[in-house]
PDB file of N, CA and C in Angstrom:
ATOM      1  N   MET A   1     123.023 114.875 120.222  1.00  0.00           N
ATOM      2  CA  MET A   1     121.831 115.667 120.044  1.00  0.00           C
ATOM      3  C   MET A   1     121.802 116.332 118.663  1.00  0.00           C
ATOM      4  N   GLU A   2     122.966 116.803 118.187  1.00  0.00           N
ATOM      5  CA  GLU A   2     123.016 117.482 116.890  1.00  0.00           C
ATOM      6  C   GLU A   2     122.547 116.575 115.760  1.00  0.00           C
ATOM      7  N   GLN A   3     122.930 115.299 115.806  1.00  0.00           N
ATOM      8  CA  GLN A   3     122.541 114.382 114.735  1.00  0.00           C
ATOM      9  C   GLN A   3     121.037 114.137 114.731  1.00  0.00           C
ATOM     10  N   LEU A   4     120.438 114.019 115.900  1.00  0.00           N
ATOM     11  CA  LEU A   4     118.988 113.847 115.981  1.00  0.00           C
ATOM     12  C   LEU A   4     118.272 115.064 115.422  1.00  0.00           C
ATOM     13  N   ILE A   5     118.733 116.250 115.791  1.00  0.00           N
ATOM     14  CA  ILE A   5     118.115 117.479 115.291  1.00  0.00           C
ATOM     15  C   ILE A   5     118.275 117.580 113.768  1.00  0.00           C
ATOM     16  N   GLU A   6     119.443 117.223 113.257  1.00  0.00           N
ATOM     17  CA  GLU A   6     119.641 117.240 111.801  1.00  0.00           C
ATOM     18  C   GLU A   6     118.669 116.289 111.119  1.00  0.00           C
ATOM     19  N   ALA A   7     118.507 115.101 111.665  1.00  0.00           N
ATOM     20  CA  ALA A   7     117.580 114.129 111.073  1.00  0.00           C
ATOM     21  C   ALA A   7     116.153 114.663 111.101  1.00  0.00           C
ATOM     22  N   LEU A   8     115.748 115.249 112.214  1.00  0.00           N
ATOM     23  CA  LEU A   8     114.391 115.786 112.313  1.00  0.00           C
ATOM     24  C   LEU A   8     114.179 116.937 111.329  1.00  0.00           C
ATOM     25  N   GLN A   9     115.206 117.732 111.088  1.00  0.00           N
ATOM     26  CA  GLN A   9     115.090 118.813 110.100  1.00  0.00           C
ATOM     27  C   GLN A   9     114.926 118.244 108.699  1.00  0.00           C
ATOM     28  N   ILE A  10     115.580 117.147 108.406  1.00  0.00           N
ATOM     29  CA  ILE A  10     115.397 116.498 107.101  1.00  0.00           C
ATOM     30  C   ILE A  10     113.954 116.012 106.984  1.00  0.00           C
ATOM     31  N   PHE A  11     113.450 115.330 108.004  1.00  0.00           N
ATOM     32  CA  PHE A  11     112.067 114.844 107.951  1.00  0.00           C
ATOM     33  C   PHE A  11     111.081 115.991 107.818  1.00  0.00           C
ATOM     34  N   LEU A  12     111.359 117.118 108.465  1.00  0.00           N
ATOM     35  CA  LEU A  12     110.476 118.281 108.402  1.00  0.00           C
ATOM     36  C   LEU A  12     110.320 118.803 106.975  1.00  0.00           C
ATOM     37  N   LYS A  13     111.345 118.650 106.142  1.00  0.00           N
ATOM     38  CA  LYS A  13     111.253 119.097 104.753  1.00  0.00           C
ATOM     39  C   LYS A  13     110.141 118.363 104.005  1.00  0.00           C
ATOM     40  N   TYR A  14     109.784 117.165 104.470  1.00  0.00           N
ATOM     41  CA  TYR A  14     108.835 116.328 103.749  1.00  0.00           C
ATOM     42  C   TYR A  14     107.459 116.254 104.394  1.00  0.00           C
ATOM     43  N   LYS A  15     107.378 116.493 105.692  1.00  0.00           N
ATOM     44  CA  LYS A  15     106.091 116.405 106.371  1.00  0.00           C
ATOM     45  C   LYS A  15     106.178 117.120 107.711  1.00  0.00           C
ATOM     46  N   ASN A  16     105.129 117.845 108.048  1.00  0.00           N
ATOM     47  CA  ASN A  16     105.076 118.543 109.327  1.00  0.00           C
ATOM     48  C   ASN A  16     103.876 118.014 110.110  1.00  0.00           C
ATOM     49  N   GLU A  17     104.043 116.836 110.673  1.00  0.00           N
ATOM     50  CA  GLU A  17     102.976 116.178 111.434  1.00  0.00           C
ATOM     51  C   GLU A  17     102.779 116.853 112.792  1.00  0.00           C
ATOM     52  N   THR A  18     101.567 116.825 113.286  1.00  0.00           N
ATOM     53  CA  THR A  18     101.292 117.324 114.628  1.00  0.00           C
ATOM     54  C   THR A  18     101.968 116.438 115.668  1.00  0.00           C
ATOM     55  N   TYR A  19     101.919 115.132 115.449  1.00  0.00           N
ATOM     56  CA  TYR A  19     102.560 114.153 116.332  1.00  0.00           C
ATOM     57  C   TYR A  19     103.542 113.347 115.488  1.00  0.00           C
ATOM     58  N   PRO A  20     104.775 113.841 115.304  1.00  0.00           N
ATOM     59  CA  PRO A  20     105.688 113.287 114.308  1.00  0.00           C
ATOM     60  C   PRO A  20     106.451 112.030 114.718  1.00  0.00           C
ATOM     61  N   THR A  21     106.420 111.669 115.992  1.00  0.00           N
ATOM     62  CA  THR A  21     107.215 110.525 116.425  1.00  0.00           C
ATOM     63  C   THR A  21     106.412 109.614 117.342  1.00  0.00           C
ATOM     64  N   ARG A  22     106.902 108.388 117.419  1.00  0.00           N
ATOM     65  CA  ARG A  22     106.402 107.421 118.390  1.00  0.00           C
ATOM     66  C   ARG A  22     107.598 106.622 118.871  1.00  0.00           C
ATOM     67  N   CYS A  23     107.672 106.337 120.131  1.00  0.00           N
ATOM     68  CA  CYS A  23     108.794 105.583 120.673  1.00  0.00           C
ATOM     69  C   CYS A  23     108.256 104.406 121.471  1.00  0.00           C
ATOM     70  N   GLU A  24     108.717 103.211 121.122  1.00  0.00           N
ATOM     71  CA  GLU A  24     108.342 102.029 121.882  1.00  0.00           C
ATOM     72  C   GLU A  24     109.371 100.940 121.654  1.00  0.00           C
ATOM     73  N   HIS A  25     109.561 100.120 122.659  1.00  0.00           N
ATOM     74  CA  HIS A  25     110.494  98.991 122.567  1.00  0.00           C
ATOM     75  C   HIS A  25     111.867  99.417 122.059  1.00  0.00           C
ATOM     76  N   ASP A  26     112.391 100.508 122.606  1.00  0.00           N
ATOM     77  CA  ASP A  26     113.728 101.016 122.264  1.00  0.00           C
ATOM     78  C   ASP A  26     113.860 101.457 120.811  1.00  0.00           C
ATOM     79  N   THR A  27     112.760 101.847 120.199  1.00  0.00           N
ATOM     80  CA  THR A  27     112.769 102.260 118.802  1.00  0.00           C
ATOM     81  C   THR A  27     112.021 103.574 118.650  1.00  0.00           C
ATOM     82  N   LEU A  28     112.616 104.518 117.908  1.00  0.00           N
ATOM     83  CA  LEU A  28     111.967 105.782 117.580  1.00  0.00           C
ATOM     84  C   LEU A  28     111.425 105.685 116.162  1.00  0.00           C
ATOM     85  N   TYR A  29     110.129 105.919 116.009  1.00  0.00           N
ATOM     86  CA  TYR A  29     109.470 105.879 114.704  1.00  0.00           C
ATOM     87  C   TYR A  29     109.129 107.294 114.265  1.00  0.00           C
ATOM     88  N   ILE A  30     109.285 107.566 112.968  1.00  0.00           N
ATOM     89  CA  ILE A  30     108.897 108.847 112.378  1.00  0.00           C
ATOM     90  C   ILE A  30     107.582 108.626 111.642  1.00  0.00           C
ATOM     91  N   ILE A  31     106.577 109.372 112.015  1.00  0.00           N
ATOM     92  CA  ILE A  31     105.231 109.175 111.490  1.00  0.00           C
ATOM     93  C   ILE A  31     104.976 110.087 110.284  1.00  0.00           C
ATOM     94  N   GLY A  32     104.408 109.507 109.221  1.00  0.00           N
ATOM     95  CA  GLY A  32     103.903 110.293 108.105  1.00  0.00           C
ATOM     96  C   GLY A  32     104.857 110.574 106.964  1.00  0.00           C
ATOM     97  N   VAL A  33     106.129 110.286 107.113  1.00  0.00           N
ATOM     98  CA  VAL A  33     107.093 110.538 106.035  1.00  0.00           C
ATOM     99  C   VAL A  33     107.290 109.231 105.261  1.00  0.00           C
ATOM    100  N   GLU A  34     106.990 109.261 103.977  1.00  0.00           N
ATOM    101  CA  GLU A  34     107.114 108.077 103.121  1.00  0.00           C
ATOM    102  C   GLU A  34     108.479 108.050 102.439  1.00  0.00           C
ATOM    103  N   LYS A  35     109.049 106.866 102.310  1.00  0.00           N
ATOM    104  CA  LYS A  35     110.376 106.742 101.703  1.00  0.00           C
ATOM    105  C   LYS A  35     110.407 107.296 100.278  1.00  0.00           C
ATOM    106  N   ASN A  36     109.354 107.056  99.509  1.00  0.00           N
ATOM    107  CA  ASN A  36     109.331 107.512  98.113  1.00  0.00           C
ATOM    108  C   ASN A  36     109.300 109.026  97.988  1.00  0.00           C
ATOM    109  N   ASP A  37     108.932 109.717  99.055  1.00  0.00           N
ATOM    110  CA  ASP A  37     108.893 111.177  99.037  1.00  0.00           C
ATOM    111  C   ASP A  37     110.247 111.806  99.369  1.00  0.00           C
ATOM    112  N   VAL A  38     111.148 111.021  99.941  1.00  0.00           N
ATOM    113  CA  VAL A  38     112.441 111.527 100.406  1.00  0.00           C
ATOM    114  C   VAL A  38     113.491 111.334  99.319  1.00  0.00           C
ATOM    115  N   SER A  39     114.284 112.358  99.065  1.00  0.00           N
ATOM    116  CA  SER A  39     115.309 112.278  98.020  1.00  0.00           C
ATOM    117  C   SER A  39     116.343 111.203  98.379  1.00  0.00           C
ATOM    118  N   PRO A  40     116.961 110.593  97.369  1.00  0.00           N
ATOM    119  CA  PRO A  40     118.000 109.591  97.642  1.00  0.00           C
ATOM    120  C   PRO A  40     119.137 110.142  98.503  1.00  0.00           C
ATOM    121  N   GLU A  41     119.483 111.401  98.301  1.00  0.00           N
ATOM    122  CA  GLU A  41     120.545 112.016  99.099  1.00  0.00           C
ATOM    123  C   GLU A  41     120.142 112.095 100.568  1.00  0.00           C
ATOM    124  N   ASP A  42     118.876 112.461 100.808  1.00  0.00           N
ATOM    125  CA  ASP A  42     118.412 112.552 102.188  1.00  0.00           C
ATOM    126  C   ASP A  42     118.275 111.169 102.822  1.00  0.00           C
ATOM    127  N   VAL A  43     117.853 110.170 102.050  1.00  0.00           N
ATOM    128  CA  VAL A  43     117.779 108.804 102.575  1.00  0.00           C
ATOM    129  C   VAL A  43     119.172 108.346 103.004  1.00  0.00           C
ATOM    130  N   LYS A  44     120.173 108.652 102.190  1.00  0.00           N
ATOM    131  CA  LYS A  44     121.552 108.283 102.524  1.00  0.00           C
ATOM    132  C   LYS A  44     122.005 108.994 103.799  1.00  0.00           C
ATOM    133  N   ARG A  45     121.712 110.286 103.896  1.00  0.00           N
ATOM    134  CA  ARG A  45     122.124 111.033 105.084  1.00  0.00           C
ATOM    135  C   ARG A  45     121.380 110.543 106.327  1.00  0.00           C
ATOM    136  N   LEU A  46     120.101 110.253 106.185  1.00  0.00           N
ATOM    137  CA  LEU A  46     119.342 109.723 107.314  1.00  0.00           C
ATOM    138  C   LEU A  46     119.927 108.401 107.797  1.00  0.00           C
ATOM    139  N   ASP A  47     120.365 107.577 106.864  1.00  0.00           N
ATOM    140  CA  ASP A  47     121.018 106.319 107.227  1.00  0.00           C
ATOM    141  C   ASP A  47     122.284 106.592 108.037  1.00  0.00           C
ATOM    142  N   GLU A  48     123.063 107.564 107.607  1.00  0.00           N
ATOM    143  CA  GLU A  48     124.276 107.934 108.334  1.00  0.00           C
ATOM    144  C   GLU A  48     123.947 108.455 109.735  1.00  0.00           C
ATOM    145  N   LEU A  49     122.764 109.041 109.880  1.00  0.00           N
ATOM    146  CA  LEU A  49     122.341 109.607 111.161  1.00  0.00           C
ATOM    147  C   LEU A  49     121.618 108.584 112.046  1.00  0.00           C
ATOM    148  N   GLY A  50     121.442 107.371 111.537  1.00  0.00           N
ATOM    149  CA  GLY A  50     120.856 106.313 112.358  1.00  0.00           C
ATOM    150  C   GLY A  50     119.408 105.969 112.064  1.00  0.00           C
ATOM    151  N   PHE A  51     118.840 106.514 110.994  1.00  0.00           N
ATOM    152  CA  PHE A  51     117.462 106.203 110.614  1.00  0.00           C
ATOM    153  C   PHE A  51     117.447 105.353 109.357  1.00  0.00           C
ATOM    154  N   PHE A  52     116.523 104.402 109.308  1.00  0.00           N
ATOM    155  CA  PHE A  52     116.395 103.555 108.126  1.00  0.00           C
ATOM    156  C   PHE A  52     114.919 103.266 107.888  1.00  0.00           C
ATOM    157  N   TRP A  53     114.609 102.860 106.660  1.00  0.00           N
ATOM    158  CA  TRP A  53     113.247 102.519 106.280  1.00  0.00           C
ATOM    159  C   TRP A  53     113.027 101.035 106.545  1.00  0.00           C
ATOM    160  N   SER A  54     111.917 100.710 107.175  1.00  0.00           N
ATOM    161  CA  SER A  54     111.581  99.316 107.433  1.00  0.00           C
ATOM    162  C   SER A  54     110.167  99.042 106.959  1.00  0.00           C
ATOM    163  N   GLU A  55     110.033  98.054 106.092  1.00  0.00           N
ATOM    164  CA  GLU A  55     108.702  97.646 105.658  1.00  0.00           C
ATOM    165  C   GLU A  55     108.146  96.561 106.568  1.00  0.00           C
ATOM    166  N   GLU A  56     108.945  96.089 107.505  1.00  0.00           N
ATOM    167  CA  GLU A  56     108.481  95.083 108.453  1.00  0.00           C
ATOM    168  C   GLU A  56     107.687  95.719 109.583  1.00  0.00           C
ATOM    169  N   GLU A  57     107.842  97.010 109.778  1.00  0.00           N
ATOM    170  CA  GLU A  57     107.112  97.734 110.815  1.00  0.00           C
ATOM    171  C   GLU A  57     105.983  98.524 110.163  1.00  0.00           C
ATOM    172  N   GLU A  58     104.894  98.662 110.873  1.00  0.00           N
ATOM    173  CA  GLU A  58     103.728  99.400 110.383  1.00  0.00           C
ATOM    174  C   GLU A  58     103.170  98.701 109.144  1.00  0.00           C
ATOM    175  N   GLU A  59     102.035  99.147 108.673  1.00  0.00           N
ATOM    176  CA  GLU A  59     101.406  98.509 107.509  1.00  0.00           C
ATOM    177  C   GLU A  59     102.143  98.806 106.215  1.00  0.00           C
ATOM    178  N   ASP A  60     102.518 100.051 106.011  1.00  0.00           N
ATOM    179  CA  ASP A  60     103.137 100.458 104.751  1.00  0.00           C
ATOM    180  C   ASP A  60     104.619 100.749 104.879  1.00  0.00           C
ATOM    181  N   GLY A  61     105.200 100.544 106.033  1.00  0.00           N
ATOM    182  CA  GLY A  61     106.601 100.861 106.255  1.00  0.00           C
ATOM    183  C   GLY A  61     106.743 102.172 107.002  1.00  0.00           C
ATOM    184  N   VAL A  62     107.947 102.376 107.545  1.00  0.00           N
ATOM    185  CA  VAL A  62     108.169 103.560 108.371  1.00  0.00           C
ATOM    186  C   VAL A  62     109.673 103.794 108.522  1.00  0.00           C
ATOM    187  N   PHE A  63     110.061 105.053 108.659  1.00  0.00           N
ATOM    188  CA  PHE A  63     111.432 105.362 109.053  1.00  0.00           C
ATOM    189  C   PHE A  63     111.536 105.103 110.545  1.00  0.00           C
ATOM    190  N   MET A  64     112.655 104.507 110.945  1.00  0.00           N
ATOM    191  CA  MET A  64     112.834 104.185 112.353  1.00  0.00           C
ATOM    192  C   MET A  64     114.301 104.219 112.724  1.00  0.00           C
ATOM    193  N   SER A  65     114.562 104.252 114.031  1.00  0.00           N
ATOM    194  CA  SER A  65     115.931 104.267 114.528  1.00  0.00           C
ATOM    195  C   SER A  65     116.002 103.565 115.872  1.00  0.00           C
ATOM    196  N   PHE A  66     117.005 102.728 116.019  1.00  0.00           N
ATOM    197  CA  PHE A  66     117.290 102.137 117.325  1.00  0.00           C
ATOM    198  C   PHE A  66     118.228 103.055 118.119  1.00  0.00           C
ATOM    199  N   LYS A  67     118.921 103.950 117.407  1.00  0.00           N
ATOM    200  CA  LYS A  67     119.892 104.829 118.035  1.00  0.00           C
ATOM    201  C   LYS A  67     119.255 105.821 118.998  1.00  0.00           C
ATOM    202  N   TYR A  68     118.049 106.278 118.694  1.00  0.00           N
ATOM    203  CA  TYR A  68     117.413 107.322 119.481  1.00  0.00           C
ATOM    204  C   TYR A  68     116.238 106.823 120.313  1.00  0.00           C
ATOM    205  N   GLY A  69     116.075 105.510 120.411  1.00  0.00           N
ATOM    206  CA  GLY A  69     115.044 104.965 121.276  1.00  0.00           C
ATOM    207  C   GLY A  69     115.509 105.064 122.723  1.00  0.00           C
ATOM    208  N   SER A  70     114.781 104.460 123.612  1.00  0.00           N
ATOM    209  CA  SER A  70     115.157 104.519 125.020  1.00  0.00           C
ATOM    210  C   SER A  70     116.383 103.652 125.284  1.00  0.00           C
ATOM    211  N   VAL A  71     117.075 103.937 126.362  1.00  0.00           N
ATOM    212  CA  VAL A  71     118.286 103.198 126.713  1.00  0.00           C
ATOM    213  C   VAL A  71     117.960 102.175 127.768  1.00  0.00           C
TER     214      VAL A  71
END
């Protein structure tokens, strides 16, 4: 739980969406945070926490995690 909360706090630094997440097909998506807006240090830490940027999902890409999707 601590790692998920840490990741969400990092995302909060960049965007405070009303509906910040979407979960489907065992994947948690973070809505509204663009990779270019996130510092390289935070991108590295997010990767360590189980989140990565995917341009294959969504039209413009999205941060996502298989670690925090459904089991």
